[in-house]
Amino acid sequence: MKGFAKWVWMIAALSLFAPAAWAEVDTEGYASVDIFSNYVWRGQKLSEEWVIQPAVGIAYGGFGTYLWANYDTDTQEHNETDLTLFYSHAVDKLSIEGGYVYYALDGYEDTQEVYLAVGYDTLLNPSATFFYDVDQGDGGFLIIAVGHSFDLPREMALNLGASVGINFENEVMGLDAE
């Protein structure tokens, strides 16, 4: 995983600092560094201590890529890098996205998923996303969600939401840390 992760991060860094030509096309970019008290993935606690999770993404004309990583402060190891490729499209209030995720995992076999997400822009913004592991997990995972955003003073917002996840015999879901 480490060799793969270095190449992926190098490509991501280069895409962020690409020539000014990026500014002349309809391109969206995203970058963040999140810090959490532990890493919870699909209801499974995968760390015992704080984690640092950097992410970077870019999209053009509905096509995009997203790179995400996890650094566990307890083990002091970078133990996961995820590369997502996707296409999204909206028609009126209906949005559809399909994509591919490559999970480069340290200590486990790398795996791959394809997914389809559907959402509708109405009260509570309902959405459903189905992931199917085509590699190590050989099963699916469904997330059904609702949420709403309330505008607050001083350009702030209160975002409320709820989701439920259902495992469809995805064997990767057995990686729960004790």
Protein backbone atom coordinates (compact mmCIF):
# COMPACT_ATOMS: atom_id res chain seq x y z
CA MET A 1 0.00 0.00 0.00
CA LYS A 2 2.77 2.46 0.82
CA GLY A 3 4.18 2.63 -2.73
CA PHE A 4 0.69 3.05 -4.19
CA ALA A 5 -0.19 5.75 -1.66
CA LYS A 6 2.93 7.81 -2.43
CA TRP A 7 2.13 7.86 -6.17
CA VAL A 8 -1.51 8.74 -5.59
CA TRP A 9 -0.66 11.62 -3.22
CA MET A 10 1.97 12.93 -5.63
CA ILE A 11 -0.57 13.02 -8.48
CA ALA A 12 -3.12 14.74 -6.22
CA ALA A 13 -0.61 17.39 -5.17
CA LEU A 14 0.33 18.08 -8.79
CA SER A 15 -3.34 18.46 -9.75
CA LEU A 16 -3.82 21.13 -7.05
CA PHE A 17 -0.85 23.13 -8.28
CA ALA A 18 -1.57 22.68 -12.00
CA PRO A 19 -1.08 25.63 -14.36
CA ALA A 20 -3.53 28.53 -14.37
CA ALA A 21 -5.43 26.74 -17.17
CA TRP A 22 -7.51 25.04 -14.46
CA ALA A 23 -9.00 28.44 -13.59
CA GLU A 24 -10.31 28.89 -17.16
CA VAL A 25 -12.52 25.77 -17.16
CA ASP A 26 -15.58 24.83 -15.08
CA THR A 27 -13.65 23.02 -12.37
CA GLU A 28 -14.43 22.50 -8.68
CA GLY A 29 -11.83 21.61 -6.08
CA TYR A 30 -11.94 20.40 -2.52
CA ALA A 31 -9.35 19.96 0.20
CA SER A 32 -9.66 19.30 3.93
CA VAL A 33 -7.90 17.88 6.96
CA ASP A 34 -10.23 16.42 9.57
CA ILE A 35 -9.27 15.35 13.09
CA PHE A 36 -11.51 12.87 14.93
CA SER A 37 -11.40 11.14 18.32
CA ASN A 38 -11.42 7.79 16.44
CA TYR A 39 -12.12 6.31 13.01
CA VAL A 40 -15.62 4.87 12.55
CA TRP A 41 -16.42 3.38 9.12
CA ARG A 42 -19.91 2.10 8.40
CA GLY A 43 -20.58 1.62 12.09
CA GLN A 44 -17.26 -0.10 12.85
CA LYS A 45 -14.74 1.46 15.19
CA LEU A 46 -11.39 1.07 13.41
CA SER A 47 -9.09 2.94 15.80
CA GLU A 48 -8.51 3.36 19.50
CA GLU A 49 -7.22 6.96 19.50
CA TRP A 50 -7.34 10.18 17.50
CA VAL A 51 -7.03 10.06 13.71
CA ILE A 52 -6.08 12.65 11.09
CA GLN A 53 -7.86 12.33 7.74
CA PRO A 54 -6.67 14.54 4.85
CA ALA A 55 -8.68 14.64 1.63
CA VAL A 56 -8.41 16.31 -1.75
CA GLY A 57 -10.72 16.19 -4.76
CA ILE A 58 -11.36 17.77 -8.12
CA ALA A 59 -14.32 17.62 -10.51
CA TYR A 60 -14.87 18.78 -14.08
CA GLY A 61 -18.09 18.49 -16.07
CA GLY A 62 -19.61 15.88 -13.77
CA PHE A 63 -16.46 13.71 -13.72
CA GLY A 64 -14.27 13.76 -10.65
CA THR A 65 -11.72 12.14 -8.42
CA TYR A 66 -11.37 12.17 -4.67
CA LEU A 67 -8.43 11.06 -2.55
CA TRP A 68 -8.75 10.38 1.18
CA ALA A 69 -6.36 8.98 3.79
CA ASN A 70 -6.27 7.96 7.43
CA TYR A 71 -3.39 8.50 9.88
CA ASP A 72 -3.81 6.73 13.23
CA THR A 73 -2.12 8.68 16.06
CA ASP A 74 -2.12 5.63 18.36
CA THR A 75 -0.03 3.45 16.03
CA GLN A 76 1.53 6.51 14.35
CA GLU A 77 0.88 4.94 10.96
CA HIS A 78 -0.76 5.99 7.73
CA ASN A 79 -2.92 2.89 7.32
CA GLU A 80 -5.43 3.65 4.55
CA THR A 81 -5.67 5.57 1.28
CA ASP A 82 -8.89 5.61 -0.74
CA LEU A 83 -9.09 6.73 -4.37
CA THR A 84 -12.56 7.47 -5.74
CA LEU A 85 -13.46 8.11 -9.38
CA PHE A 86 -17.02 9.24 -10.09
CA TYR A 87 -19.54 10.77 -12.46
CA SER A 88 -22.51 12.79 -11.20
CA HIS A 89 -25.51 14.26 -12.99
CA ALA A 90 -28.63 16.12 -11.91
CA VAL A 91 -31.99 16.44 -13.64
CA ASP A 92 -34.30 18.93 -11.96
CA LYS A 93 -34.36 17.82 -8.30
CA LEU A 94 -33.00 14.30 -8.91
CA SER A 95 -29.25 13.70 -8.58
CA ILE A 96 -27.45 10.52 -9.59
CA GLU A 97 -23.82 9.58 -9.02
CA GLY A 98 -21.92 6.44 -9.91
CA GLY A 99 -18.35 5.63 -9.11
CA TYR A 100 -15.46 3.37 -8.23
CA VAL A 101 -13.47 3.27 -4.96
CA TYR A 102 -10.06 1.66 -4.50
CA TYR A 103 -9.20 1.01 -0.83
CA ALA A 104 -5.44 0.69 -0.24
CA LEU A 105 -5.24 -0.83 3.26
CA ASP A 106 -2.24 -1.49 5.45
CA GLY A 107 -2.48 -4.85 7.22
CA TYR A 108 -5.37 -6.13 5.09
CA GLU A 109 -5.88 -7.00 1.44
CA ASP A 110 -6.69 -3.96 -0.71
CA THR A 111 -10.24 -4.00 -2.07
CA GLN A 112 -12.46 -2.25 -4.61
CA GLU A 113 -16.07 -1.08 -4.73
CA VAL A 114 -18.47 0.34 -7.27
CA TYR A 115 -21.36 2.48 -6.07
CA LEU A 116 -24.55 4.21 -7.15
CA ALA A 117 -26.07 7.15 -5.26
CA VAL A 118 -29.49 8.70 -5.80
CA GLY A 119 -30.82 11.80 -4.05
CA TYR A 120 -33.85 14.07 -4.32
CA ASP A 121 -33.84 17.79 -3.45
CA THR A 122 -37.01 18.10 -1.37
CA LEU A 123 -37.99 18.17 2.30
CA LEU A 124 -35.29 16.29 4.27
CA ASN A 125 -33.27 15.62 1.06
CA PRO A 126 -33.62 11.82 1.05
CA SER A 127 -30.79 9.81 -0.51
CA ALA A 128 -29.69 6.22 -0.95
CA THR A 129 -26.23 4.93 -1.82
CA PHE A 130 -25.42 1.31 -2.59
CA PHE A 131 -21.78 0.14 -2.53
CA TYR A 132 -20.83 -3.25 -3.94
CA ASP A 133 -17.41 -4.71 -3.12
CA VAL A 134 -16.18 -6.44 -6.29
CA ASP A 135 -12.98 -7.73 -4.69
CA GLN A 136 -12.28 -8.90 -1.10
CA GLY A 137 -15.73 -8.24 0.39
CA ASP A 138 -17.88 -9.72 -2.36
CA GLY A 139 -21.03 -8.10 -0.97
CA GLY A 140 -22.88 -4.82 -0.64
CA PHE A 141 -23.62 -2.02 1.78
CA LEU A 142 -26.63 0.34 1.57
CA ILE A 143 -26.83 3.76 3.22
CA ILE A 144 -30.19 5.54 3.42
CA ALA A 145 -30.05 9.13 4.68
CA VAL A 146 -32.09 12.27 5.33
CA GLY A 147 -30.97 15.73 6.37
CA HIS A 148 -31.78 19.41 6.42
CA SER A 149 -29.77 22.61 6.73
CA PHE A 150 -30.98 25.66 8.66
CA ASP A 151 -29.44 29.07 7.97
CA LEU A 152 -28.18 30.86 11.09
CA PRO A 153 -26.95 34.43 11.59
CA ARG A 154 -23.43 35.45 10.52
CA GLU A 155 -23.29 33.11 7.52
CA MET A 156 -23.49 29.99 9.68
CA ALA A 157 -25.71 26.94 9.26
CA LEU A 158 -27.04 24.15 11.43
CA ASN A 159 -26.95 20.81 9.57
CA LEU A 160 -29.04 17.96 10.94
CA GLY A 161 -29.21 14.48 9.51
CA ALA A 162 -29.71 10.80 10.13
CA SER A 163 -28.70 7.68 8.26
CA VAL A 164 -28.98 3.93 8.48
CA GLY A 165 -26.61 1.38 6.98
CA ILE A 166 -27.44 -2.18 5.97
CA ASN A 167 -24.77 -4.81 5.27
CA PHE A 168 -25.53 -7.28 2.47
CA GLU A 169 -22.98 -10.04 3.15
CA ASN A 170 -19.99 -7.74 2.60
CA GLU A 171 -17.17 -9.72 4.21
CA VAL A 172 -14.91 -6.65 4.54
CA MET A 173 -17.30 -5.47 7.24
CA GLY A 174 -15.60 -7.97 9.59
CA LEU A 175 -12.56 -5.71 10.18
CA ASP A 176 -13.97 -4.26 13.41
CA ALA A 177 -11.22 -3.25 15.87
CA GLU A 178 -11.69 -4.47 19.42
